[in-house]
Amino acid sequence: MKKHNIILWIFIIAAGSIIGNIIGDALSGVIPVLKLSESISFGPATLDLSFFDFTMGFSFNINLAGVIGIIAVILIFRKM
């Protein structure tokens, strides 16, 4: 797989997640199951060298609407 294709797929997956989350937020009053979510995170890790302080953390939150959006965008893109 070319590097260009990997970047394109990352963009497609991110776009599907964003679109799914927006639609899920809009429809959560009608279909509450779309707000079911799971979070994966690594708390902040700090490196303190007395003259330099570096803190890094990671959090990933995905909900059902985001997963549906990812699947829909992948299916649409594969048909193009």
PDB file of N, CA and C in Angstrom:
ATOM      1  N   MET A   1       0.834  -1.168   0.000  1.00  0.00           N
ATOM      2  CA  MET A   1       0.000   0.000   0.000  1.00  0.00           C
ATOM      3  C   MET A   1       0.888   1.243   0.000  1.00  0.00           C
ATOM      4  N   LYS A   2       0.574   2.159  -0.867  1.00  0.00           N
ATOM      5  CA  LYS A   2       1.361   3.375  -0.969  1.00  0.00           C
ATOM      6  C   LYS A   2       1.093   4.295   0.218  1.00  0.00           C
ATOM      7  N   LYS A   3       2.063   5.157   0.495  1.00  0.00           N
ATOM      8  CA  LYS A   3       1.909   6.107   1.592  1.00  0.00           C
ATOM      9  C   LYS A   3       0.731   7.042   1.324  1.00  0.00           C
ATOM     10  N   HIS A   4       0.538   7.406   0.067  1.00  0.00           N
ATOM     11  CA  HIS A   4      -0.583   8.274  -0.299  1.00  0.00           C
ATOM     12  C   HIS A   4      -1.907   7.611   0.068  1.00  0.00           C
ATOM     13  N   ASN A   5      -2.036   6.323  -0.164  1.00  0.00           N
ATOM     14  CA  ASN A   5      -3.268   5.606   0.157  1.00  0.00           C
ATOM     15  C   ASN A   5      -3.495   5.537   1.660  1.00  0.00           C
ATOM     16  N   ILE A   6      -2.450   5.367   2.432  1.00  0.00           N
ATOM     17  CA  ILE A   6      -2.586   5.302   3.884  1.00  0.00           C
ATOM     18  C   ILE A   6      -3.085   6.639   4.422  1.00  0.00           C
ATOM     19  N   ILE A   7      -2.519   7.729   3.945  1.00  0.00           N
ATOM     20  CA  ILE A   7      -2.956   9.053   4.381  1.00  0.00           C
ATOM     21  C   ILE A   7      -4.407   9.289   3.970  1.00  0.00           C
ATOM     22  N   LEU A   8      -4.780   8.858   2.794  1.00  0.00           N
ATOM     23  CA  LEU A   8      -6.151   9.003   2.323  1.00  0.00           C
ATOM     24  C   LEU A   8      -7.117   8.217   3.205  1.00  0.00           C
ATOM     25  N   TRP A   9      -6.777   6.990   3.557  1.00  0.00           N
ATOM     26  CA  TRP A   9      -7.637   6.175   4.412  1.00  0.00           C
ATOM     27  C   TRP A   9      -7.754   6.757   5.817  1.00  0.00           C
ATOM     28  N   ILE A  10      -6.670   7.308   6.337  1.00  0.00           N
ATOM     29  CA  ILE A  10      -6.736   7.963   7.652  1.00  0.00           C
ATOM     30  C   ILE A  10      -7.697   9.149   7.585  1.00  0.00           C
ATOM     31  N   PHE A  11      -7.596   9.932   6.516  1.00  0.00           N
ATOM     32  CA  PHE A  11      -8.504  11.058   6.333  1.00  0.00           C
ATOM     33  C   PHE A  11      -9.952  10.584   6.211  1.00  0.00           C
ATOM     34  N   ILE A  12     -10.196   9.528   5.467  1.00  0.00           N
ATOM     35  CA  ILE A  12     -11.545   9.002   5.276  1.00  0.00           C
ATOM     36  C   ILE A  12     -12.127   8.511   6.595  1.00  0.00           C
ATOM     37  N   ILE A  13     -11.342   7.798   7.374  1.00  0.00           N
ATOM     38  CA  ILE A  13     -11.816   7.296   8.658  1.00  0.00           C
ATOM     39  C   ILE A  13     -12.112   8.460   9.613  1.00  0.00           C
ATOM     40  N   ALA A  14     -11.231   9.458   9.633  1.00  0.00           N
ATOM     41  CA  ALA A  14     -11.465  10.622  10.496  1.00  0.00           C
ATOM     42  C   ALA A  14     -12.721  11.372  10.056  1.00  0.00           C
ATOM     43  N   ALA A  15     -12.897  11.548   8.751  1.00  0.00           N
ATOM     44  CA  ALA A  15     -14.075  12.246   8.239  1.00  0.00           C
ATOM     45  C   ALA A  15     -15.352  11.482   8.582  1.00  0.00           C
ATOM     46  N   GLY A  16     -15.324  10.181   8.448  1.00  0.00           N
ATOM     47  CA  GLY A  16     -16.496   9.366   8.790  1.00  0.00           C
ATOM     48  C   GLY A  16     -16.838   9.459  10.266  1.00  0.00           C
ATOM     49  N   SER A  17     -15.829   9.468  11.100  1.00  0.00           N
ATOM     50  CA  SER A  17     -16.062   9.593  12.537  1.00  0.00           C
ATOM     51  C   SER A  17     -16.651  10.948  12.891  1.00  0.00           C
ATOM     52  N   ILE A  18     -16.126  12.006  12.289  1.00  0.00           N
ATOM     53  CA  ILE A  18     -16.635  13.354  12.561  1.00  0.00           C
ATOM     54  C   ILE A  18     -18.068  13.498  12.078  1.00  0.00           C
ATOM     55  N   ILE A  19     -18.344  13.041  10.863  1.00  0.00           N
ATOM     56  CA  ILE A  19     -19.701  13.128  10.316  1.00  0.00           C
ATOM     57  C   ILE A  19     -20.670  12.297  11.162  1.00  0.00           C
ATOM     58  N   GLY A  20     -20.257  11.099  11.541  1.00  0.00           N
ATOM     59  CA  GLY A  20     -21.111  10.253  12.379  1.00  0.00           C
ATOM     60  C   GLY A  20     -21.389  10.877  13.730  1.00  0.00           C
ATOM     61  N   ASN A  21     -20.373  11.497  14.343  1.00  0.00           N
ATOM     62  CA  ASN A  21     -20.575  12.143  15.636  1.00  0.00           C
ATOM     63  C   ASN A  21     -21.523  13.336  15.526  1.00  0.00           C
ATOM     64  N   ILE A  22     -21.403  14.110  14.458  1.00  0.00           N
ATOM     65  CA  ILE A  22     -22.299  15.256  14.266  1.00  0.00           C
ATOM     66  C   ILE A  22     -23.735  14.778  14.092  1.00  0.00           C
ATOM     67  N   ILE A  23     -23.944  13.772  13.255  1.00  0.00           N
ATOM     68  CA  ILE A  23     -25.291  13.232  13.043  1.00  0.00           C
ATOM     69  C   ILE A  23     -25.808  12.589  14.325  1.00  0.00           C
ATOM     70  N   GLY A  24     -24.942  11.880  15.047  1.00  0.00           N
ATOM     71  CA  GLY A  24     -25.343  11.255  16.308  1.00  0.00           C
ATOM     72  C   GLY A  24     -25.766  12.275  17.345  1.00  0.00           C
ATOM     73  N   ASP A  25     -25.037  13.402  17.434  1.00  0.00           N
ATOM     74  CA  ASP A  25     -25.425  14.463  18.367  1.00  0.00           C
ATOM     75  C   ASP A  25     -26.769  15.069  17.979  1.00  0.00           C
ATOM     76  N   ALA A  26     -26.990  15.234  16.680  1.00  0.00           N
ATOM     77  CA  ALA A  26     -28.241  15.818  16.213  1.00  0.00           C
ATOM     78  C   ALA A  26     -29.431  14.888  16.465  1.00  0.00           C
ATOM     79  N   LEU A  27     -29.216  13.587  16.340  1.00  0.00           N
ATOM     80  CA  LEU A  27     -30.313  12.621  16.482  1.00  0.00           C
ATOM     81  C   LEU A  27     -30.384  11.961  17.852  1.00  0.00           C
ATOM     82  N   SER A  28     -29.536  12.373  18.786  1.00  0.00           N
ATOM     83  CA  SER A  28     -29.491  11.692  20.084  1.00  0.00           C
ATOM     84  C   SER A  28     -30.777  11.862  20.886  1.00  0.00           C
ATOM     85  N   GLY A  29     -31.523  12.927  20.644  1.00  0.00           N
ATOM     86  CA  GLY A  29     -32.801  13.089  21.322  1.00  0.00           C
ATOM     87  C   GLY A  29     -33.844  12.110  20.833  1.00  0.00           C
ATOM     88  N   VAL A  30     -33.760  11.731  19.563  1.00  0.00           N
ATOM     89  CA  VAL A  30     -34.724  10.806  18.957  1.00  0.00           C
ATOM     90  C   VAL A  30     -34.274   9.362  19.136  1.00  0.00           C
ATOM     91  N   ILE A  31     -32.978   9.121  18.932  1.00  0.00           N
ATOM     92  CA  ILE A  31     -32.406   7.769  19.028  1.00  0.00           C
ATOM     93  C   ILE A  31     -31.268   7.806  20.059  1.00  0.00           C
ATOM     94  N   PRO A  32     -31.581   7.620  21.343  1.00  0.00           N
ATOM     95  CA  PRO A  32     -30.558   7.780  22.388  1.00  0.00           C
ATOM     96  C   PRO A  32     -29.410   6.769  22.313  1.00  0.00           C
ATOM     97  N   VAL A  33     -29.616   5.647  21.653  1.00  0.00           N
ATOM     98  CA  VAL A  33     -28.566   4.623  21.583  1.00  0.00           C
ATOM     99  C   VAL A  33     -27.345   5.115  20.790  1.00  0.00           C
ATOM    100  N   LEU A  34     -27.528   6.128  19.964  1.00  0.00           N
ATOM    101  CA  LEU A  34     -26.414   6.653  19.176  1.00  0.00           C
ATOM    102  C   LEU A  34     -25.347   7.319  20.046  1.00  0.00           C
ATOM    103  N   LYS A  35     -25.680   7.660  21.276  1.00  0.00           N
ATOM    104  CA  LYS A  35     -24.726   8.316  22.165  1.00  0.00           C
ATOM    105  C   LYS A  35     -23.897   7.316  22.982  1.00  0.00           C
ATOM    106  N   LEU A  36     -24.138   6.013  22.833  1.00  0.00           N
ATOM    107  CA  LEU A  36     -23.314   5.022  23.533  1.00  0.00           C
ATOM    108  C   LEU A  36     -21.868   5.206  23.099  1.00  0.00           C
ATOM    109  N   SER A  37     -20.977   5.313  24.067  1.00  0.00           N
ATOM    110  CA  SER A  37     -19.591   5.590  23.696  1.00  0.00           C
ATOM    111  C   SER A  37     -18.620   4.833  24.596  1.00  0.00           C
ATOM    112  N   GLU A  38     -17.404   4.767  24.131  1.00  0.00           N
ATOM    113  CA  GLU A  38     -16.301   4.136  24.858  1.00  0.00           C
ATOM    114  C   GLU A  38     -15.091   5.046  24.719  1.00  0.00           C
ATOM    115  N   SER A  39     -14.329   5.131  25.777  1.00  0.00           N
ATOM    116  CA  SER A  39     -13.171   6.010  25.787  1.00  0.00           C
ATOM    117  C   SER A  39     -11.911   5.211  26.099  1.00  0.00           C
ATOM    118  N   ILE A  40     -10.867   5.481  25.361  1.00  0.00           N
ATOM    119  CA  ILE A  40      -9.547   4.889  25.601  1.00  0.00           C
ATOM    120  C   ILE A  40      -8.600   6.050  25.835  1.00  0.00           C
ATOM    121  N   SER A  41      -7.886   6.010  26.940  1.00  0.00           N
ATOM    122  CA  SER A  41      -6.983   7.126  27.203  1.00  0.00           C
ATOM    123  C   SER A  41      -5.754   6.660  27.971  1.00  0.00           C
ATOM    124  N   PHE A  42      -4.690   7.374  27.757  1.00  0.00           N
ATOM    125  CA  PHE A  42      -3.466   7.215  28.510  1.00  0.00           C
ATOM    126  C   PHE A  42      -3.252   8.542  29.216  1.00  0.00           C
ATOM    127  N   GLY A  43      -3.262   8.510  30.525  1.00  0.00           N
ATOM    128  CA  GLY A  43      -3.137   9.740  31.304  1.00  0.00           C
ATOM    129  C   GLY A  43      -1.850  10.469  30.997  1.00  0.00           C
ATOM    130  N   PRO A  44      -1.775  11.701  31.448  1.00  0.00           N
ATOM    131  CA  PRO A  44      -0.584  12.485  31.148  1.00  0.00           C
ATOM    132  C   PRO A  44       0.668  11.898  31.788  1.00  0.00           C
ATOM    133  N   ALA A  45       1.686  11.774  30.993  1.00  0.00           N
ATOM    134  CA  ALA A  45       3.004  11.345  31.464  1.00  0.00           C
ATOM    135  C   ALA A  45       3.910  12.571  31.413  1.00  0.00           C
ATOM    136  N   THR A  46       4.629  12.806  32.483  1.00  0.00           N
ATOM    137  CA  THR A  46       5.447  14.008  32.574  1.00  0.00           C
ATOM    138  C   THR A  46       6.916  13.654  32.709  1.00  0.00           C
ATOM    139  N   LEU A  47       7.729  14.359  31.957  1.00  0.00           N
ATOM    140  CA  LEU A  47       9.179  14.268  32.049  1.00  0.00           C
ATOM    141  C   LEU A  47       9.674  15.626  32.533  1.00  0.00           C
ATOM    142  N   ASP A  48      10.238  15.650  33.743  1.00  0.00           N
ATOM    143  CA  ASP A  48      10.698  16.902  34.336  1.00  0.00           C
ATOM    144  C   ASP A  48      12.205  16.838  34.517  1.00  0.00           C
ATOM    145  N   LEU A  49      12.905  17.672  33.775  1.00  0.00           N
ATOM    146  CA  LEU A  49      14.361  17.705  33.836  1.00  0.00           C
ATOM    147  C   LEU A  49      14.868  18.989  34.492  1.00  0.00           C
ATOM    148  N   SER A  50      14.059  19.598  35.314  1.00  0.00           N
ATOM    149  CA  SER A  50      14.301  20.846  36.052  1.00  0.00           C
ATOM    150  C   SER A  50      14.450  22.074  35.146  1.00  0.00           C
ATOM    151  N   PHE A  51      14.963  21.955  33.972  1.00  0.00           N
ATOM    152  CA  PHE A  51      15.018  23.075  33.039  1.00  0.00           C
ATOM    153  C   PHE A  51      14.035  22.888  31.886  1.00  0.00           C
ATOM    154  N   PHE A  52      13.448  21.682  31.793  1.00  0.00           N
ATOM    155  CA  PHE A  52      12.551  21.345  30.698  1.00  0.00           C
ATOM    156  C   PHE A  52      11.473  20.431  31.247  1.00  0.00           C
ATOM    157  N   ASP A  53      10.237  20.777  31.000  1.00  0.00           N
ATOM    158  CA  ASP A  53       9.105  19.982  31.464  1.00  0.00           C
ATOM    159  C   ASP A  53       8.271  19.590  30.244  1.00  0.00           C
ATOM    160  N   PHE A  54       8.076  18.287  30.059  1.00  0.00           N
ATOM    161  CA  PHE A  54       7.354  17.773  28.896  1.00  0.00           C
ATOM    162  C   PHE A  54       6.230  16.873  29.385  1.00  0.00           C
ATOM    163  N   THR A  55       4.985  17.182  28.996  1.00  0.00           N
ATOM    164  CA  THR A  55       3.824  16.389  29.381  1.00  0.00           C
ATOM    165  C   THR A  55       3.090  15.953  28.128  1.00  0.00           C
ATOM    166  N   MET A  56       2.736  14.671  28.084  1.00  0.00           N
ATOM    167  CA  MET A  56       2.046  14.137  26.916  1.00  0.00           C
ATOM    168  C   MET A  56       0.966  13.162  27.377  1.00  0.00           C
ATOM    169  N   GLY A  57      -0.200  13.222  26.746  1.00  0.00           N
ATOM    170  CA  GLY A  57      -1.296  12.306  27.031  1.00  0.00           C
ATOM    171  C   GLY A  57      -2.064  12.016  25.752  1.00  0.00           C
ATOM    172  N   PHE A  58      -2.955  11.034  25.819  1.00  0.00           N
ATOM    173  CA  PHE A  58      -3.712  10.621  24.638  1.00  0.00           C
ATOM    174  C   PHE A  58      -5.102  10.197  25.084  1.00  0.00           C
ATOM    175  N   SER A  59      -6.111  10.643  24.365  1.00  0.00           N
ATOM    176  CA  SER A  59      -7.483  10.244  24.654  1.00  0.00           C
ATOM    177  C   SER A  59      -8.215  10.012  23.335  1.00  0.00           C
ATOM    178  N   PHE A  60      -8.925   8.909  23.259  1.00  0.00           N
ATOM    179  CA  PHE A  60      -9.685   8.556  22.059  1.00  0.00           C
ATOM    180  C   PHE A  60     -11.086   8.178  22.503  1.00  0.00           C
ATOM    181  N   ASN A  61     -12.086   8.892  22.011  1.00  0.00           N
ATOM    182  CA  ASN A  61     -13.466   8.639  22.386  1.00  0.00           C
ATOM    183  C   ASN A  61     -14.265   8.357  21.127  1.00  0.00           C
ATOM    184  N   ILE A  62     -14.919   7.219  21.088  1.00  0.00           N
ATOM    185  CA  ILE A  62     -15.715   6.845  19.917  1.00  0.00           C
ATOM    186  C   ILE A  62     -17.106   6.439  20.384  1.00  0.00           C
ATOM    187  N   ASN A  63     -18.111   6.845  19.625  1.00  0.00           N
ATOM    188  CA  ASN A  63     -19.469   6.427  19.959  1.00  0.00           C
ATOM    189  C   ASN A  63     -20.065   5.633  18.805  1.00  0.00           C
ATOM    190  N   LEU A  64     -21.250   5.096  19.029  1.00  0.00           N
ATOM    191  CA  LEU A  64     -21.891   4.235  18.032  1.00  0.00           C
ATOM    192  C   LEU A  64     -22.144   4.977  16.725  1.00  0.00           C
ATOM    193  N   ALA A  65     -22.550   6.233  16.817  1.00  0.00           N
ATOM    194  CA  ALA A  65     -22.793   7.012  15.598  1.00  0.00           C
ATOM    195  C   ALA A  65     -21.496   7.212  14.817  1.00  0.00           C
ATOM    196  N   GLY A  66     -20.378   7.392  15.511  1.00  0.00           N
ATOM    197  CA  GLY A  66     -19.083   7.528  14.846  1.00  0.00           C
ATOM    198  C   GLY A  66     -18.693   6.268  14.104  1.00  0.00           C
ATOM    199  N   VAL A  67     -18.941   5.114  14.711  1.00  0.00           N
ATOM    200  CA  VAL A  67     -18.638   3.833  14.060  1.00  0.00           C
ATOM    201  C   VAL A  67     -19.508   3.661  12.814  1.00  0.00           C
ATOM    202  N   ILE A  68     -20.789   3.997  12.935  1.00  0.00           N
ATOM    203  CA  ILE A  68     -21.681   3.911  11.774  1.00  0.00           C
ATOM    204  C   ILE A  68     -21.212   4.867  10.678  1.00  0.00           C
ATOM    205  N   GLY A  69     -20.776   6.054  11.053  1.00  0.00           N
ATOM    206  CA  GLY A  69     -20.262   7.019  10.075  1.00  0.00           C
ATOM    207  C   GLY A  69     -19.010   6.524   9.381  1.00  0.00           C
ATOM    208  N   ILE A  70     -18.103   5.901  10.136  1.00  0.00           N
ATOM    209  CA  ILE A  70     -16.878   5.345   9.540  1.00  0.00           C
ATOM    210  C   ILE A  70     -17.223   4.260   8.528  1.00  0.00           C
ATOM    211  N   ILE A  71     -18.109   3.358   8.907  1.00  0.00           N
ATOM    212  CA  ILE A  71     -18.501   2.268   8.010  1.00  0.00           C
ATOM    213  C   ILE A  71     -19.183   2.826   6.751  1.00  0.00           C
ATOM    214  N   ALA A  72     -20.062   3.808   6.925  1.00  0.00           N
ATOM    215  CA  ALA A  72     -20.766   4.385   5.776  1.00  0.00           C
ATOM    216  C   ALA A  72     -19.792   5.066   4.812  1.00  0.00           C
ATOM    217  N   VAL A  73     -18.846   5.838   5.348  1.00  0.00           N
ATOM    218  CA  VAL A  73     -17.897   6.538   4.477  1.00  0.00           C
ATOM    219  C   VAL A  73     -16.981   5.552   3.766  1.00  0.00           C
ATOM    220  N   ILE A  74     -16.563   4.494   4.442  1.00  0.00           N
ATOM    221  CA  ILE A  74     -15.717   3.484   3.792  1.00  0.00           C
ATOM    222  C   ILE A  74     -16.485   2.800   2.665  1.00  0.00           C
ATOM    223  N   LEU A  75     -17.754   2.447   2.902  1.00  0.00           N
ATOM    224  CA  LEU A  75     -18.550   1.807   1.852  1.00  0.00           C
ATOM    225  C   LEU A  75     -18.776   2.738   0.676  1.00  0.00           C
ATOM    226  N   ILE A  76     -19.042   4.002   0.955  1.00  0.00           N
ATOM    227  CA  ILE A  76     -19.245   4.976  -0.133  1.00  0.00           C
ATOM    228  C   ILE A  76     -17.948   5.160  -0.921  1.00  0.00           C
ATOM    229  N   PHE A  77     -16.829   5.274  -0.218  1.00  0.00           N
ATOM    230  CA  PHE A  77     -15.565   5.483  -0.910  1.00  0.00           C
ATOM    231  C   PHE A  77     -15.152   4.280  -1.762  1.00  0.00           C
ATOM    232  N   ARG A  78     -15.427   3.072  -1.267  1.00  0.00           N
ATOM    233  CA  ARG A  78     -15.056   1.874  -2.041  1.00  0.00           C
ATOM    234  C   ARG A  78     -15.874   1.754  -3.322  1.00  0.00           C
ATOM    235  N   LYS A  79     -17.092   2.280  -3.337  1.00  0.00           N
ATOM    236  CA  LYS A  79     -17.925   2.204  -4.540  1.00  0.00           C
ATOM    237  C   LYS A  79     -17.520   3.228  -5.585  1.00  0.00           C
ATOM    238  N   MET A  80     -16.742   4.238  -5.208  1.00  0.00           N
ATOM    239  CA  MET A  80     -16.316   5.266  -6.162  1.00  0.00           C
ATOM    240  C   MET A  80     -15.256   4.737  -7.082  1.00  0.00           C
TER     241      MET A  80
END
